[in-house]
Amino acid sequence: MTACIFCQPQPYVLENERAAAFFDIHPVSLGHLLIIPKQHYATIFDVPQTDKQAMADLIDRAKTYLDERYRPDGYNIGINVGAAAGQTVMHCHVHLIPRYHGDTPHPEGGIRKLLPPEK
């Protein structure tokens, strides 16, 4: 069994006792953060309420951090659950993705249209 990459030390940008945030190594946009529980849980449905609350608190702090640092025009927040939904690291994580006017020509459809089609 391979060790979980998110359970390894990460360069945290923000953290609290039960959750942490760090930059995605494959960002969709400038400032794309991942928020994780510090304890390993495969999906959001496995995370106990105390850790979910810690993650929610960190999402709010992360938004403030990104507002001050990058001044985005909007946000996408996403959670993939299972390989069929695009989850590639089986450690619960929330994507907090800053969005900027003009970063996609037609942002309607939100996350469904976030990534360009593969060629």
PDB file of N, CA and C in Angstrom:
ATOM      1  N   MET A   1       0.842  -1.188   0.000  1.00  0.00           N
ATOM      2  CA  MET A   1       0.000   0.000   0.000  1.00  0.00           C
ATOM      3  C   MET A   1       0.882   1.245   0.000  1.00  0.00           C
ATOM      4  N   THR A   2       0.568   2.188  -0.859  1.00  0.00           N
ATOM      5  CA  THR A   2       1.322   3.431  -0.978  1.00  0.00           C
ATOM      6  C   THR A   2       0.864   4.414   0.101  1.00  0.00           C
ATOM      7  N   ALA A   3       1.825   5.111   0.670  1.00  0.00           N
ATOM      8  CA  ALA A   3       1.492   6.120   1.690  1.00  0.00           C
ATOM      9  C   ALA A   3       0.719   7.270   1.045  1.00  0.00           C
ATOM     10  N   CYS A   4      -0.224   7.802   1.770  1.00  0.00           N
ATOM     11  CA  CYS A   4      -1.036   8.920   1.284  1.00  0.00           C
ATOM     12  C   CYS A   4      -0.176  10.181   1.214  1.00  0.00           C
ATOM     13  N   ILE A   5      -0.159  10.807   0.052  1.00  0.00           N
ATOM     14  CA  ILE A   5       0.652  12.017  -0.129  1.00  0.00           C
ATOM     15  C   ILE A   5       0.179  13.153   0.777  1.00  0.00           C
ATOM     16  N   PHE A   6      -1.130  13.244   1.041  1.00  0.00           N
ATOM     17  CA  PHE A   6      -1.643  14.326   1.882  1.00  0.00           C
ATOM     18  C   PHE A   6      -1.376  14.077   3.366  1.00  0.00           C
ATOM     19  N   CYS A   7      -1.015  12.837   3.710  1.00  0.00           N
ATOM     20  CA  CYS A   7      -0.631  12.542   5.096  1.00  0.00           C
ATOM     21  C   CYS A   7       0.854  12.845   5.342  1.00  0.00           C
ATOM     22  N   GLN A   8       1.585  13.149   4.275  1.00  0.00           N
ATOM     23  CA  GLN A   8       2.990  13.535   4.383  1.00  0.00           C
ATOM     24  C   GLN A   8       3.064  15.033   4.680  1.00  0.00           C
ATOM     25  N   PRO A   9       4.185  15.493   5.206  1.00  0.00           N
ATOM     26  CA  PRO A   9       4.312  16.941   5.466  1.00  0.00           C
ATOM     27  C   PRO A   9       4.082  17.759   4.195  1.00  0.00           C
ATOM     28  N   GLN A  10       3.285  18.791   4.334  1.00  0.00           N
ATOM     29  CA  GLN A  10       2.957  19.698   3.231  1.00  0.00           C
ATOM     30  C   GLN A  10       3.349  21.117   3.629  1.00  0.00           C
ATOM     31  N   PRO A  11       3.587  21.973   2.647  1.00  0.00           N
ATOM     32  CA  PRO A  11       3.852  23.388   2.964  1.00  0.00           C
ATOM     33  C   PRO A  11       2.541  24.127   3.229  1.00  0.00           C
ATOM     34  N   TYR A  12       2.025  23.992   4.447  1.00  0.00           N
ATOM     35  CA  TYR A  12       0.747  24.601   4.783  1.00  0.00           C
ATOM     36  C   TYR A  12       0.801  26.121   4.674  1.00  0.00           C
ATOM     37  N   VAL A  13      -0.258  26.671   4.124  1.00  0.00           N
ATOM     38  CA  VAL A  13      -0.445  28.116   4.045  1.00  0.00           C
ATOM     39  C   VAL A  13      -1.214  28.582   5.279  1.00  0.00           C
ATOM     40  N   LEU A  14      -2.206  27.771   5.671  1.00  0.00           N
ATOM     41  CA  LEU A  14      -3.039  28.039   6.840  1.00  0.00           C
ATOM     42  C   LEU A  14      -3.324  26.707   7.514  1.00  0.00           C
ATOM     43  N   GLU A  15      -3.577  26.754   8.813  1.00  0.00           N
ATOM     44  CA  GLU A  15      -3.984  25.541   9.503  1.00  0.00           C
ATOM     45  C   GLU A  15      -4.652  25.884  10.817  1.00  0.00           C
ATOM     46  N   ASN A  16      -5.387  24.920  11.307  1.00  0.00           N
ATOM     47  CA  ASN A  16      -5.907  24.973  12.664  1.00  0.00           C
ATOM     48  C   ASN A  16      -5.609  23.613  13.282  1.00  0.00           C
ATOM     49  N   GLU A  17      -6.168  23.315  14.402  1.00  0.00           N
ATOM     50  CA  GLU A  17      -5.824  22.075  15.099  1.00  0.00           C
ATOM     51  C   GLU A  17      -6.164  20.817  14.288  1.00  0.00           C
ATOM     52  N   ARG A  18      -7.246  20.870  13.491  1.00  0.00           N
ATOM     53  CA  ARG A  18      -7.742  19.653  12.845  1.00  0.00           C
ATOM     54  C   ARG A  18      -7.701  19.687  11.314  1.00  0.00           C
ATOM     55  N   ALA A  19      -7.372  20.834  10.718  1.00  0.00           N
ATOM     56  CA  ALA A  19      -7.395  20.958   9.260  1.00  0.00           C
ATOM     57  C   ALA A  19      -6.239  21.835   8.782  1.00  0.00           C
ATOM     58  N   ALA A  20      -5.936  21.718   7.491  1.00  0.00           N
ATOM     59  CA  ALA A  20      -4.835  22.486   6.914  1.00  0.00           C
ATOM     60  C   ALA A  20      -5.164  22.861   5.476  1.00  0.00           C
ATOM     61  N   ALA A  21      -4.507  23.919   4.990  1.00  0.00           N
ATOM     62  CA  ALA A  21      -4.673  24.369   3.607  1.00  0.00           C
ATOM     63  C   ALA A  21      -3.299  24.541   2.975  1.00  0.00           C
ATOM     64  N   PHE A  22      -3.202  24.131   1.715  1.00  0.00           N
ATOM     65  CA  PHE A  22      -1.963  24.297   0.960  1.00  0.00           C
ATOM     66  C   PHE A  22      -2.307  24.454  -0.517  1.00  0.00           C
ATOM     67  N   PHE A  23      -1.359  24.990  -1.286  1.00  0.00           N
ATOM     68  CA  PHE A  23      -1.590  25.224  -2.707  1.00  0.00           C
ATOM     69  C   PHE A  23      -1.604  23.907  -3.475  1.00  0.00           C
ATOM     70  N   ASP A  24      -2.537  23.795  -4.414  1.00  0.00           N
ATOM     71  CA  ASP A  24      -2.631  22.633  -5.292  1.00  0.00           C
ATOM     72  C   ASP A  24      -1.416  22.625  -6.225  1.00  0.00           C
ATOM     73  N   ILE A  25      -0.795  21.462  -6.418  1.00  0.00           N
ATOM     74  CA  ILE A  25       0.381  21.402  -7.306  1.00  0.00           C
ATOM     75  C   ILE A  25      -0.025  21.423  -8.779  1.00  0.00           C
ATOM     76  N   HIS A  26      -1.313  21.249  -9.068  1.00  0.00           N
ATOM     77  CA  HIS A  26      -1.844  21.362 -10.429  1.00  0.00           C
ATOM     78  C   HIS A  26      -2.993  22.371 -10.403  1.00  0.00           C
ATOM     79  N   PRO A  27      -2.675  23.654 -10.175  1.00  0.00           N
ATOM     80  CA  PRO A  27      -3.740  24.644  -9.976  1.00  0.00           C
ATOM     81  C   PRO A  27      -4.563  24.916 -11.225  1.00  0.00           C
ATOM     82  N   VAL A  28      -5.844  25.116 -11.010  1.00  0.00           N
ATOM     83  CA  VAL A  28      -6.744  25.547 -12.070  1.00  0.00           C
ATOM     84  C   VAL A  28      -6.546  27.046 -12.313  1.00  0.00           C
ATOM     85  N   SER A  29      -6.251  27.776 -11.235  1.00  0.00           N
ATOM     86  CA  SER A  29      -6.033  29.217 -11.338  1.00  0.00           C
ATOM     87  C   SER A  29      -5.067  29.650 -10.233  1.00  0.00           C
ATOM     88  N   LEU A  30      -4.608  30.871 -10.335  1.00  0.00           N
ATOM     89  CA  LEU A  30      -3.701  31.432  -9.342  1.00  0.00           C
ATOM     90  C   LEU A  30      -4.365  31.428  -7.970  1.00  0.00           C
ATOM     91  N   GLY A  31      -3.726  30.772  -6.990  1.00  0.00           N
ATOM     92  CA  GLY A  31      -4.238  30.741  -5.633  1.00  0.00           C
ATOM     93  C   GLY A  31      -5.051  29.509  -5.282  1.00  0.00           C
ATOM     94  N   HIS A  32      -5.199  28.567  -6.187  1.00  0.00           N
ATOM     95  CA  HIS A  32      -5.992  27.343  -5.964  1.00  0.00           C
ATOM     96  C   HIS A  32      -5.471  26.610  -4.730  1.00  0.00           C
ATOM     97  N   LEU A  33      -6.318  26.500  -3.712  1.00  0.00           N
ATOM     98  CA  LEU A  33      -5.949  25.849  -2.452  1.00  0.00           C
ATOM     99  C   LEU A  33      -6.703  24.539  -2.262  1.00  0.00           C
ATOM    100  N   LEU A  34      -6.084  23.643  -1.514  1.00  0.00           N
ATOM    101  CA  LEU A  34      -6.733  22.436  -1.041  1.00  0.00           C
ATOM    102  C   LEU A  34      -6.859  22.539   0.464  1.00  0.00           C
ATOM    103  N   ILE A  35      -8.019  22.189   0.980  1.00  0.00           N
ATOM    104  CA  ILE A  35      -8.255  22.170   2.424  1.00  0.00           C
ATOM    105  C   ILE A  35      -8.501  20.710   2.792  1.00  0.00           C
ATOM    106  N   ILE A  36      -7.722  20.205   3.756  1.00  0.00           N
ATOM    107  CA  ILE A  36      -7.806  18.798   4.142  1.00  0.00           C
ATOM    108  C   ILE A  36      -7.996  18.654   5.647  1.00  0.00           C
ATOM    109  N   PRO A  37      -8.589  17.544   6.077  1.00  0.00           N
ATOM    110  CA  PRO A  37      -8.498  17.226   7.501  1.00  0.00           C
ATOM    111  C   PRO A  37      -7.088  16.692   7.753  1.00  0.00           C
ATOM    112  N   LYS A  38      -6.514  16.985   8.891  1.00  0.00           N
ATOM    113  CA  LYS A  38      -5.169  16.488   9.191  1.00  0.00           C
ATOM    114  C   LYS A  38      -5.158  14.979   9.402  1.00  0.00           C
ATOM    115  N   GLN A  39      -6.256  14.443   9.900  1.00  0.00           N
ATOM    116  CA  GLN A  39      -6.410  12.994  10.044  1.00  0.00           C
ATOM    117  C   GLN A  39      -6.824  12.428   8.688  1.00  0.00           C
ATOM    118  N   HIS A  40      -6.393  11.230   8.371  1.00  0.00           N
ATOM    119  CA  HIS A  40      -6.739  10.628   7.084  1.00  0.00           C
ATOM    120  C   HIS A  40      -8.177  10.089   7.083  1.00  0.00           C
ATOM    121  N   TYR A  41      -8.956  10.586   6.129  1.00  0.00           N
ATOM    122  CA  TYR A  41     -10.289  10.073   5.815  1.00  0.00           C
ATOM    123  C   TYR A  41     -10.382  10.084   4.298  1.00  0.00           C
ATOM    124  N   ALA A  42     -10.887   9.026   3.717  1.00  0.00           N
ATOM    125  CA  ALA A  42     -10.903   8.918   2.260  1.00  0.00           C
ATOM    126  C   ALA A  42     -11.809   9.952   1.597  1.00  0.00           C
ATOM    127  N   THR A  43     -13.010  10.159   2.133  1.00  0.00           N
ATOM    128  CA  THR A  43     -13.952  11.081   1.492  1.00  0.00           C
ATOM    129  C   THR A  43     -14.599  11.977   2.541  1.00  0.00           C
ATOM    130  N   ILE A  44     -15.254  13.008   2.073  1.00  0.00           N
ATOM    131  CA  ILE A  44     -15.959  13.932   2.966  1.00  0.00           C
ATOM    132  C   ILE A  44     -17.012  13.209   3.797  1.00  0.00           C
ATOM    133  N   PHE A  45     -17.557  12.112   3.273  1.00  0.00           N
ATOM    134  CA  PHE A  45     -18.584  11.366   3.992  1.00  0.00           C
ATOM    135  C   PHE A  45     -18.014  10.557   5.159  1.00  0.00           C
ATOM    136  N   ASP A  46     -16.691  10.411   5.197  1.00  0.00           N
ATOM    137  CA  ASP A  46     -16.016   9.697   6.277  1.00  0.00           C
ATOM    138  C   ASP A  46     -15.536  10.622   7.393  1.00  0.00           C
ATOM    139  N   VAL A  47     -15.548  11.910   7.141  1.00  0.00           N
ATOM    140  CA  VAL A  47     -14.985  12.889   8.070  1.00  0.00           C
ATOM    141  C   VAL A  47     -15.963  13.163   9.215  1.00  0.00           C
ATOM    142  N   PRO A  48     -15.510  13.032  10.470  1.00  0.00           N
ATOM    143  CA  PRO A  48     -16.394  13.353  11.598  1.00  0.00           C
ATOM    144  C   PRO A  48     -16.745  14.837  11.617  1.00  0.00           C
ATOM    145  N   GLN A  49     -17.860  15.146  12.246  1.00  0.00           N
ATOM    146  CA  GLN A  49     -18.375  16.521  12.261  1.00  0.00           C
ATOM    147  C   GLN A  49     -17.360  17.525  12.806  1.00  0.00           C
ATOM    148  N   THR A  50     -16.595  17.166  13.825  1.00  0.00           N
ATOM    149  CA  THR A  50     -15.617  18.115  14.384  1.00  0.00           C
ATOM    150  C   THR A  50     -14.570  18.506  13.347  1.00  0.00           C
ATOM    151  N   ASP A  51     -14.136  17.548  12.542  1.00  0.00           N
ATOM    152  CA  ASP A  51     -13.147  17.849  11.510  1.00  0.00           C
ATOM    153  C   ASP A  51     -13.787  18.591  10.336  1.00  0.00           C
ATOM    154  N   LYS A  52     -15.036  18.263  10.016  1.00  0.00           N
ATOM    155  CA  LYS A  52     -15.741  19.016   8.968  1.00  0.00           C
ATOM    156  C   LYS A  52     -15.869  20.487   9.372  1.00  0.00           C
ATOM    157  N   GLN A  53     -16.185  20.732  10.636  1.00  0.00           N
ATOM    158  CA  GLN A  53     -16.304  22.115  11.104  1.00  0.00           C
ATOM    159  C   GLN A  53     -14.960  22.823  11.030  1.00  0.00           C
ATOM    160  N   ALA A  54     -13.891  22.122  11.380  1.00  0.00           N
ATOM    161  CA  ALA A  54     -12.551  22.713  11.290  1.00  0.00           C
ATOM    162  C   ALA A  54     -12.212  23.044   9.837  1.00  0.00           C
ATOM    163  N   MET A  55     -12.610  22.169   8.915  1.00  0.00           N
ATOM    164  CA  MET A  55     -12.384  22.439   7.493  1.00  0.00           C
ATOM    165  C   MET A  55     -13.195  23.650   7.036  1.00  0.00           C
ATOM    166  N   ALA A  56     -14.460  23.730   7.468  1.00  0.00           N
ATOM    167  CA  ALA A  56     -15.319  24.864   7.101  1.00  0.00           C
ATOM    168  C   ALA A  56     -14.734  26.176   7.621  1.00  0.00           C
ATOM    169  N   ASP A  57     -14.246  26.164   8.857  1.00  0.00           N
ATOM    170  CA  ASP A  57     -13.621  27.359   9.421  1.00  0.00           C
ATOM    171  C   ASP A  57     -12.402  27.764   8.595  1.00  0.00           C
ATOM    172  N   LEU A  58     -11.628  26.767   8.165  1.00  0.00           N
ATOM    173  CA  LEU A  58     -10.427  27.056   7.388  1.00  0.00           C
ATOM    174  C   LEU A  58     -10.766  27.559   5.985  1.00  0.00           C
ATOM    175  N   ILE A  59     -11.860  27.075   5.408  1.00  0.00           N
ATOM    176  CA  ILE A  59     -12.294  27.583   4.105  1.00  0.00           C
ATOM    177  C   ILE A  59     -12.569  29.081   4.208  1.00  0.00           C
ATOM    178  N   ASP A  60     -13.230  29.504   5.275  1.00  0.00           N
ATOM    179  CA  ASP A  60     -13.500  30.935   5.468  1.00  0.00           C
ATOM    180  C   ASP A  60     -12.204  31.726   5.614  1.00  0.00           C
ATOM    181  N   ARG A  61     -11.282  31.219   6.408  1.00  0.00           N
ATOM    182  CA  ARG A  61      -9.982  31.892   6.578  1.00  0.00           C
ATOM    183  C   ARG A  61      -9.209  31.928   5.263  1.00  0.00           C
ATOM    184  N   ALA A  62      -9.275  30.835   4.500  1.00  0.00           N
ATOM    185  CA  ALA A  62      -8.569  30.757   3.222  1.00  0.00           C
ATOM    186  C   ALA A  62      -9.133  31.762   2.228  1.00  0.00           C
ATOM    187  N   LYS A  63     -10.444  31.934   2.230  1.00  0.00           N
ATOM    188  CA  LYS A  63     -11.056  32.926   1.334  1.00  0.00           C
ATOM    189  C   LYS A  63     -10.546  34.324   1.665  1.00  0.00           C
ATOM    190  N   THR A  64     -10.479  34.648   2.950  1.00  0.00           N
ATOM    191  CA  THR A  64      -9.953  35.952   3.361  1.00  0.00           C
ATOM    192  C   THR A  64      -8.503  36.116   2.918  1.00  0.00           C
ATOM    193  N   TYR A  65      -7.709  35.075   3.122  1.00  0.00           N
ATOM    194  CA  TYR A  65      -6.300  35.079   2.702  1.00  0.00           C
ATOM    195  C   TYR A  65      -6.182  35.327   1.196  1.00  0.00           C
ATOM    196  N   LEU A  66      -6.974  34.594   0.398  1.00  0.00           N
ATOM    197  CA  LEU A  66      -6.910  34.744  -1.054  1.00  0.00           C
ATOM    198  C   LEU A  66      -7.442  36.099  -1.504  1.00  0.00           C
ATOM    199  N   ASP A  67      -8.499  36.597  -0.856  1.00  0.00           N
ATOM    200  CA  ASP A  67      -9.013  37.932  -1.182  1.00  0.00           C
ATOM    201  C   ASP A  67      -7.928  38.979  -1.016  1.00  0.00           C
ATOM    202  N   GLU A  68      -7.200  38.902   0.094  1.00  0.00           N
ATOM    203  CA  GLU A  68      -6.154  39.884   0.375  1.00  0.00           C
ATOM    204  C   GLU A  68      -4.951  39.733  -0.546  1.00  0.00           C
ATOM    205  N   ARG A  69      -4.588  38.500  -0.862  1.00  0.00           N
ATOM    206  CA  ARG A  69      -3.370  38.252  -1.634  1.00  0.00           C
ATOM    207  C   ARG A  69      -3.572  38.378  -3.138  1.00  0.00           C
ATOM    208  N   TYR A  70      -4.698  37.858  -3.669  1.00  0.00           N
ATOM    209  CA  TYR A  70      -4.885  37.792  -5.124  1.00  0.00           C
ATOM    210  C   TYR A  70      -6.075  38.588  -5.653  1.00  0.00           C
ATOM    211  N   ARG A  71      -6.999  38.967  -4.787  1.00  0.00           N
ATOM    212  CA  ARG A  71      -8.179  39.736  -5.170  1.00  0.00           C
ATOM    213  C   ARG A  71      -8.976  39.095  -6.316  1.00  0.00           C
ATOM    214  N   PRO A  72      -9.382  37.832  -6.168  1.00  0.00           N
ATOM    215  CA  PRO A  72     -10.174  37.198  -7.232  1.00  0.00           C
ATOM    216  C   PRO A  72     -11.574  37.803  -7.318  1.00  0.00           C
ATOM    217  N   ASP A  73     -12.220  37.528  -8.433  1.00  0.00           N
ATOM    218  CA  ASP A  73     -13.566  38.043  -8.676  1.00  0.00           C
ATOM    219  C   ASP A  73     -14.660  37.073  -8.242  1.00  0.00           C
ATOM    220  N   GLY A  74     -14.299  35.838  -7.958  1.00  0.00           N
ATOM    221  CA  GLY A  74     -15.264  34.822  -7.542  1.00  0.00           C
ATOM    222  C   GLY A  74     -14.529  33.567  -7.114  1.00  0.00           C
ATOM    223  N   TYR A  75     -15.300  32.544  -6.784  1.00  0.00           N
ATOM    224  CA  TYR A  75     -14.724  31.277  -6.315  1.00  0.00           C
ATOM    225  C   TYR A  75     -15.546  30.101  -6.806  1.00  0.00           C
ATOM    226  N   ASN A  76     -14.875  28.979  -7.025  1.00  0.00           N
ATOM    227  CA  ASN A  76     -15.507  27.665  -7.116  1.00  0.00           C
ATOM    228  C   ASN A  76     -15.021  26.883  -5.908  1.00  0.00           C
ATOM    229  N   ILE A  77     -15.937  26.148  -5.292  1.00  0.00           N
ATOM    230  CA  ILE A  77     -15.597  25.257  -4.194  1.00  0.00           C
ATOM    231  C   ILE A  77     -16.074  23.873  -4.617  1.00  0.00           C
ATOM    232  N   GLY A  78     -15.158  22.891  -4.589  1.00  0.00           N
ATOM    233  CA  GLY A  78     -15.540  21.569  -5.057  1.00  0.00           C
ATOM    234  C   GLY A  78     -14.938  20.451  -4.237  1.00  0.00           C
ATOM    235  N   ILE A  79     -15.674  19.345  -4.183  1.00  0.00           N
ATOM    236  CA  ILE A  79     -15.222  18.130  -3.518  1.00  0.00           C
ATOM    237  C   ILE A  79     -15.535  16.966  -4.449  1.00  0.00           C
ATOM    238  N   ASN A  80     -14.518  16.218  -4.829  1.00  0.00           N
ATOM    239  CA  ASN A  80     -14.709  15.017  -5.630  1.00  0.00           C
ATOM    240  C   ASN A  80     -14.721  13.823  -4.688  1.00  0.00           C
ATOM    241  N   VAL A  81     -15.670  12.918  -4.876  1.00  0.00           N
ATOM    242  CA  VAL A  81     -15.797  11.742  -4.018  1.00  0.00           C
ATOM    243  C   VAL A  81     -15.739  10.495  -4.896  1.00  0.00           C
ATOM    244  N   GLY A  82     -14.645   9.778  -4.806  1.00  0.00           N
ATOM    245  CA  GLY A  82     -14.457   8.545  -5.563  1.00  0.00           C
ATOM    246  C   GLY A  82     -13.844   8.778  -6.931  1.00  0.00           C
ATOM    247  N   ALA A  83     -13.222   7.732  -7.442  1.00  0.00           N
ATOM    248  CA  ALA A  83     -12.541   7.813  -8.737  1.00  0.00           C
ATOM    249  C   ALA A  83     -13.501   8.195  -9.864  1.00  0.00           C
ATOM    250  N   ALA A  84     -14.743   7.703  -9.825  1.00  0.00           N
ATOM    251  CA  ALA A  84     -15.714   8.017 -10.874  1.00  0.00           C
ATOM    252  C   ALA A  84     -16.035   9.500 -10.926  1.00  0.00           C
ATOM    253  N   ALA A  85     -15.838  10.197  -9.800  1.00  0.00           N
ATOM    254  CA  ALA A  85     -16.103  11.638  -9.731  1.00  0.00           C
ATOM    255  C   ALA A  85     -14.832  12.458  -9.920  1.00  0.00           C
ATOM    256  N   GLY A  86     -13.712  11.796 -10.186  1.00  0.00           N
ATOM    257  CA  GLY A  86     -12.470  12.513 -10.439  1.00  0.00           C
ATOM    258  C   GLY A  86     -11.536  12.619  -9.252  1.00  0.00           C
ATOM    259  N   GLN A  87     -11.843  11.966  -8.135  1.00  0.00           N
ATOM    260  CA  GLN A  87     -10.940  12.015  -6.986  1.00  0.00           C
ATOM    261  C   GLN A  87      -9.720  11.165  -7.299  1.00  0.00           C
ATOM    262  N   THR A  88      -8.531  11.793  -7.273  1.00  0.00           N
ATOM    263  CA  THR A  88      -7.300  11.073  -7.582  1.00  0.00           C
ATOM    264  C   THR A  88      -6.446  10.821  -6.346  1.00  0.00           C
ATOM    265  N   VAL A  89      -6.625  11.607  -5.296  1.00  0.00           N
ATOM    266  CA  VAL A  89      -5.961  11.363  -4.021  1.00  0.00           C
ATOM    267  C   VAL A  89      -7.057  10.978  -3.045  1.00  0.00           C
ATOM    268  N   MET A  90      -6.966   9.787  -2.509  1.00  0.00           N
ATOM    269  CA  MET A  90      -8.029   9.274  -1.654  1.00  0.00           C
ATOM    270  C   MET A  90      -7.858   9.706  -0.196  1.00  0.00           C
ATOM    271  N   HIS A  91      -7.705  10.999  -0.046  1.00  0.00           N
ATOM    272  CA  HIS A  91      -7.697  11.695   1.248  1.00  0.00           C
ATOM    273  C   HIS A  91      -8.631  12.875   1.023  1.00  0.00           C
ATOM    274  N   CYS A  92      -9.674  12.973   1.806  1.00  0.00           N
ATOM    275  CA  CYS A  92     -10.655  14.038   1.620  1.00  0.00           C
ATOM    276  C   CYS A  92      -9.962  15.380   1.426  1.00  0.00           C
ATOM    277  N   HIS A  93     -10.408  16.125   0.426  1.00  0.00           N
ATOM    278  CA  HIS A  93      -9.900  17.478   0.219  1.00  0.00           C
ATOM    279  C   HIS A  93     -10.945  18.322  -0.503  1.00  0.00           C
ATOM    280  N   VAL A  94     -10.970  19.567  -0.117  1.00  0.00           N
ATOM    281  CA  VAL A  94     -11.864  20.555  -0.713  1.00  0.00           C
ATOM    282  C   VAL A  94     -11.021  21.484  -1.573  1.00  0.00           C
ATOM    283  N   HIS A  95     -11.462  21.692  -2.806  1.00  0.00           N
ATOM    284  CA  HIS A  95     -10.793  22.641  -3.701  1.00  0.00           C
ATOM    285  C   HIS A  95     -11.423  24.015  -3.491  1.00  0.00           C
ATOM    286  N   LEU A  96     -10.616  24.998  -3.159  1.00  0.00           N
ATOM    287  CA  LEU A  96     -11.051  26.393  -3.112  1.00  0.00           C
ATOM    288  C   LEU A  96     -10.327  27.083  -4.261  1.00  0.00           C
ATOM    289  N   ILE A  97     -11.085  27.374  -5.312  1.00  0.00           N
ATOM    290  CA  ILE A  97     -10.494  27.842  -6.566  1.00  0.00           C
ATOM    291  C   ILE A  97     -10.898  29.282  -6.833  1.00  0.00           C
ATOM    292  N   PRO A  98      -9.936  30.210  -6.736  1.00  0.00           N
ATOM    293  CA  PRO A  98     -10.239  31.596  -7.089  1.00  0.00           C
ATOM    294  C   PRO A  98     -10.542  31.705  -8.585  1.00  0.00           C
ATOM    295  N   ARG A  99     -11.496  32.548  -8.927  1.00  0.00           N
ATOM    296  CA  ARG A  99     -11.840  32.772 -10.328  1.00  0.00           C
ATOM    297  C   ARG A  99     -11.679  34.254 -10.640  1.00  0.00           C
ATOM    298  N   TYR A 100     -11.289  34.527 -11.862  1.00  0.00           N
ATOM    299  CA  TYR A 100     -10.988  35.881 -12.308  1.00  0.00           C
ATOM    300  C   TYR A 100     -11.764  36.173 -13.589  1.00  0.00           C
ATOM    301  N   HIS A 101     -12.296  37.400 -13.676  1.00  0.00           N
ATOM    302  CA  HIS A 101     -12.988  37.787 -14.907  1.00  0.00           C
ATOM    303  C   HIS A 101     -12.069  37.524 -16.087  1.00  0.00           C
ATOM    304  N   GLY A 102     -12.596  36.823 -17.089  1.00  0.00           N
ATOM    305  CA  GLY A 102     -11.834  36.548 -18.302  1.00  0.00           C
ATOM    306  C   GLY A 102     -11.012  35.269 -18.250  1.00  0.00           C
ATOM    307  N   ASP A 103     -10.979  34.545 -17.105  1.00  0.00           N
ATOM    308  CA  ASP A 103     -10.164  33.323 -17.063  1.00  0.00           C
ATOM    309  C   ASP A 103     -10.805  32.185 -17.858  1.00  0.00           C
ATOM    310  N   THR A 104     -12.077  32.331 -18.183  1.00  0.00           N
ATOM    311  CA  THR A 104     -12.767  31.437 -19.104  1.00  0.00           C
ATOM    312  C   THR A 104     -13.781  32.298 -19.844  1.00  0.00           C
ATOM    313  N   PRO A 105     -13.953  32.082 -21.135  1.00  0.00           N
ATOM    314  CA  PRO A 105     -14.842  32.975 -21.892  1.00  0.00           C
ATOM    315  C   PRO A 105     -16.307  32.910 -21.464  1.00  0.00           C
ATOM    316  N   HIS A 106     -16.784  31.762 -21.039  1.00  0.00           N
ATOM    317  CA  HIS A 106     -18.185  31.596 -20.653  1.00  0.00           C
ATOM    318  C   HIS A 106     -18.244  30.794 -19.357  1.00  0.00           C
ATOM    319  N   PRO A 107     -18.249  31.461 -18.205  1.00  0.00           N
ATOM    320  CA  PRO A 107     -18.199  30.734 -16.935  1.00  0.00           C
ATOM    321  C   PRO A 107     -19.504  30.041 -16.536  1.00  0.00           C
ATOM    322  N   GLU A 108     -20.572  30.218 -17.309  1.00  0.00           N
ATOM    323  CA  GLU A 108     -21.823  29.546 -16.976  1.00  0.00           C
ATOM    324  C   GLU A 108     -21.589  28.046 -16.892  1.00  0.00           C
ATOM    325  N   GLY A 109     -22.213  27.415 -15.913  1.00  0.00           N
ATOM    326  CA  GLY A 109     -22.011  25.984 -15.728  1.00  0.00           C
ATOM    327  C   GLY A 109     -20.994  25.687 -14.651  1.00  0.00           C
ATOM    328  N   GLY A 110     -20.303  26.730 -14.165  1.00  0.00           N
ATOM    329  CA  GLY A 110     -19.403  26.597 -13.030  1.00  0.00           C
ATOM    330  C   GLY A 110     -18.389  25.482 -13.151  1.00  0.00           C
ATOM    331  N   ILE A 111     -18.368  24.613 -12.161  1.00  0.00           N
ATOM    332  CA  ILE A 111     -17.360  23.558 -12.083  1.00  0.00           C
ATOM    333  C   ILE A 111     -17.443  22.603 -13.261  1.00  0.00           C
ATOM    334  N   ARG A 112     -18.621  22.348 -13.765  1.00  0.00           N
ATOM    335  CA  ARG A 112     -18.750  21.415 -14.901  1.00  0.00           C
ATOM    336  C   ARG A 112     -17.936  21.888 -16.089  1.00  0.00           C
ATOM    337  N   LYS A 113     -17.736  23.180 -16.226  1.00  0.00           N
ATOM    338  CA  LYS A 113     -17.009  23.722 -17.367  1.00  0.00           C
ATOM    339  C   LYS A 113     -15.675  24.340 -16.945  1.00  0.00           C
ATOM    340  N   LEU A 114     -15.213  24.010 -15.770  1.00  0.00           N
ATOM    341  CA  LEU A 114     -14.003  24.619 -15.235  1.00  0.00           C
ATOM    342  C   LEU A 114     -12.765  24.244 -16.029  1.00  0.00           C
ATOM    343  N   LEU A 115     -12.639  22.976 -16.365  1.00  0.00           N
ATOM    344  CA  LEU A 115     -11.461  22.500 -17.075  1.00  0.00           C
ATOM    345  C   LEU A 115     -11.758  22.354 -18.551  1.00  0.00           C
ATOM    346  N   PRO A 116     -10.784  22.695 -19.395  1.00  0.00           N
ATOM    347  CA  PRO A 116     -11.013  22.504 -20.830  1.00  0.00           C
ATOM    348  C   PRO A 116     -11.073  21.021 -21.163  1.00  0.00           C
ATOM    349  N   PRO A 117     -11.775  20.641 -22.240  1.00  0.00           N
ATOM    350  CA  PRO A 117     -11.826  19.238 -22.613  1.00  0.00           C
ATOM    351  C   PRO A 117     -10.438  18.708 -22.976  1.00  0.00           C
ATOM    352  N   GLU A 118     -10.185  17.438 -22.635  1.00  0.00           N
ATOM    353  CA  GLU A 118      -8.895  16.828 -22.980  1.00  0.00           C
ATOM    354  C   GLU A 118      -8.855  16.573 -24.478  1.00  0.00           C
ATOM    355  N   LYS A 119      -7.658  16.729 -25.032  1.00  0.00           N
ATOM    356  CA  LYS A 119      -7.501  16.523 -26.484  1.00  0.00           C
ATOM    357  C   LYS A 119      -6.808  15.228 -26.771  1.00  0.00           C
TER     358      LYS A 119
END
